[in-house]
């Protein structure tokens, strides 16, 4: 069962950003415009590692497979814009 966004209740994935070690929330399903690859290695409570693919490397043949996008909760965005 997927995790859920606390605000909009959409299914999300939680991963550890590889460079910062901070948790990040991703949309649950892969997207063609995604910029984040999840690594198979697990750490910190079973969360996958997330690697952000810079725009200049997105066409690299090694960056094939499922890519994910950061979860953009519509309710949180509306709250920030007030």
C-alpha atoms as a PDB file:
ATOM      1  CA  UNK A   1       0.000   0.000   0.000  1.00  0.00           C
ATOM      2  CA  UNK A   2       1.469   3.398  -0.983  1.00  0.00           C
ATOM      3  CA  UNK A   3       2.071   6.246   1.414  1.00  0.00           C
ATOM      4  CA  UNK A   4      -0.371   9.140   1.097  1.00  0.00           C
ATOM      5  CA  UNK A   5       0.088  12.902   1.101  1.00  0.00           C
ATOM      6  CA  UNK A   6      -1.164  14.222   4.436  1.00  0.00           C
ATOM      7  CA  UNK A   7      -2.886  17.159   2.769  1.00  0.00           C
ATOM      8  CA  UNK A   8      -4.436  15.960  -0.515  1.00  0.00           C
ATOM      9  CA  UNK A   9      -4.419  12.202   0.278  1.00  0.00           C
ATOM     10  CA  UNK A  10      -2.896  11.348  -3.143  1.00  0.00           C
ATOM     11  CA  UNK A  11      -0.700   8.224  -3.242  1.00  0.00           C
ATOM     12  CA  UNK A  12       2.994   9.128  -3.049  1.00  0.00           C
ATOM     13  CA  UNK A  13       6.385   7.513  -2.665  1.00  0.00           C
ATOM     14  CA  UNK A  14       8.829   8.715  -0.035  1.00  0.00           C
ATOM     15  CA  UNK A  15      12.521   8.427  -0.838  1.00  0.00           C
ATOM     16  CA  UNK A  16      15.823   9.670   0.538  1.00  0.00           C
ATOM     17  CA  UNK A  17      17.522  12.245  -1.686  1.00  0.00           C
ATOM     18  CA  UNK A  18      20.946  10.761  -2.329  1.00  0.00           C
ATOM     19  CA  UNK A  19      23.094  13.878  -1.900  1.00  0.00           C
ATOM     20  CA  UNK A  20      21.335  15.613   0.997  1.00  0.00           C
ATOM     21  CA  UNK A  21      20.037  12.553   2.847  1.00  0.00           C
ATOM     22  CA  UNK A  22      16.695  14.325   3.284  1.00  0.00           C
ATOM     23  CA  UNK A  23      13.337  12.626   2.644  1.00  0.00           C
ATOM     24  CA  UNK A  24      11.457  13.788  -0.436  1.00  0.00           C
ATOM     25  CA  UNK A  25       7.898  13.086  -1.591  1.00  0.00           C
ATOM     26  CA  UNK A  26       7.330  11.860  -5.134  1.00  0.00           C
ATOM     27  CA  UNK A  27       4.235  11.195  -7.201  1.00  0.00           C
ATOM     28  CA  UNK A  28       3.441   7.499  -6.869  1.00  0.00           C
ATOM     29  CA  UNK A  29       3.483   6.694 -10.586  1.00  0.00           C
ATOM     30  CA  UNK A  30       6.379   7.304 -12.994  1.00  0.00           C
ATOM     31  CA  UNK A  31       6.022  10.220 -15.418  1.00  0.00           C
ATOM     32  CA  UNK A  32       7.532  10.873 -18.859  1.00  0.00           C
ATOM     33  CA  UNK A  33       8.663  14.312 -17.677  1.00  0.00           C
ATOM     34  CA  UNK A  34      10.106  12.953 -14.428  1.00  0.00           C
ATOM     35  CA  UNK A  35      13.509  14.088 -13.217  1.00  0.00           C
ATOM     36  CA  UNK A  36      14.174  11.654 -10.374  1.00  0.00           C
ATOM     37  CA  UNK A  37      15.407   8.078 -10.616  1.00  0.00           C
ATOM     38  CA  UNK A  38      14.942   5.682  -7.711  1.00  0.00           C
ATOM     39  CA  UNK A  39      17.811   3.345  -6.920  1.00  0.00           C
ATOM     40  CA  UNK A  40      17.236  -0.233  -5.904  1.00  0.00           C
ATOM     41  CA  UNK A  41      19.448   0.102  -2.839  1.00  0.00           C
ATOM     42  CA  UNK A  42      17.486   0.705   0.325  1.00  0.00           C
ATOM     43  CA  UNK A  43      18.502   2.618   3.417  1.00  0.00           C
ATOM     44  CA  UNK A  44      17.041   4.510   6.380  1.00  0.00           C
ATOM     45  CA  UNK A  45      13.986   2.451   7.164  1.00  0.00           C
ATOM     46  CA  UNK A  46      13.586   0.835   3.775  1.00  0.00           C
ATOM     47  CA  UNK A  47      13.167   4.033   1.744  1.00  0.00           C
ATOM     48  CA  UNK A  48      14.696   3.977  -1.749  1.00  0.00           C
ATOM     49  CA  UNK A  49      17.445   6.401  -2.701  1.00  0.00           C
ATOM     50  CA  UNK A  50      16.434   9.171  -5.099  1.00  0.00           C
ATOM     51  CA  UNK A  51      18.840  10.659  -7.612  1.00  0.00           C
ATOM     52  CA  UNK A  52      17.886  13.923  -9.291  1.00  0.00           C
ATOM     53  CA  UNK A  53      18.860  13.807 -12.971  1.00  0.00           C
ATOM     54  CA  UNK A  54      20.144  17.197 -14.191  1.00  0.00           C
ATOM     55  CA  UNK A  55      18.545  18.439 -17.405  1.00  0.00           C
ATOM     56  CA  UNK A  56      21.800  18.120 -19.369  1.00  0.00           C
ATOM     57  CA  UNK A  57      21.977  14.381 -18.508  1.00  0.00           C
ATOM     58  CA  UNK A  58      18.356  13.402 -19.193  1.00  0.00           C
ATOM     59  CA  UNK A  59      19.174  12.157 -22.710  1.00  0.00           C
ATOM     60  CA  UNK A  60      22.034   9.984 -21.444  1.00  0.00           C
ATOM     61  CA  UNK A  61      21.287   6.342 -22.359  1.00  0.00           C
ATOM     62  CA  UNK A  62      22.190   5.290 -18.806  1.00  0.00           C
ATOM     63  CA  UNK A  63      19.180   7.234 -17.507  1.00  0.00           C
ATOM     64  CA  UNK A  64      16.605   4.856 -18.923  1.00  0.00           C
ATOM     65  CA  UNK A  65      13.770   3.390 -16.934  1.00  0.00           C
ATOM     66  CA  UNK A  66      11.146   4.879 -14.718  1.00  0.00           C
ATOM     67  CA  UNK A  67      11.550   8.501 -13.697  1.00  0.00           C
ATOM     68  CA  UNK A  68       9.451  10.203 -11.043  1.00  0.00           C
ATOM     69  CA  UNK A  69       8.445  13.793 -10.299  1.00  0.00           C
ATOM     70  CA  UNK A  70       8.337  15.610  -6.981  1.00  0.00           C
ATOM     71  CA  UNK A  71       4.844  15.563  -5.507  1.00  0.00           C
ATOM     72  CA  UNK A  72       3.252  18.975  -5.996  1.00  0.00           C
ATOM     73  CA  UNK A  73       0.316  18.999  -3.597  1.00  0.00           C
ATOM     74  CA  UNK A  74      -2.322  21.400  -4.955  1.00  0.00           C
ATOM     75  CA  UNK A  75      -3.520  22.293  -1.456  1.00  0.00           C
ATOM     76  CA  UNK A  76      -0.056  23.168  -0.184  1.00  0.00           C
ATOM     77  CA  UNK A  77       0.637  25.330  -3.241  1.00  0.00           C
ATOM     78  CA  UNK A  78      -2.624  27.209  -2.720  1.00  0.00           C
ATOM     79  CA  UNK A  79      -1.801  27.755   0.973  1.00  0.00           C
ATOM     80  CA  UNK A  80       1.688  29.127   0.113  1.00  0.00           C
ATOM     81  CA  UNK A  81       0.337  31.591  -2.450  1.00  0.00           C
ATOM     82  CA  UNK A  82      -1.895  33.375   0.073  1.00  0.00           C
END
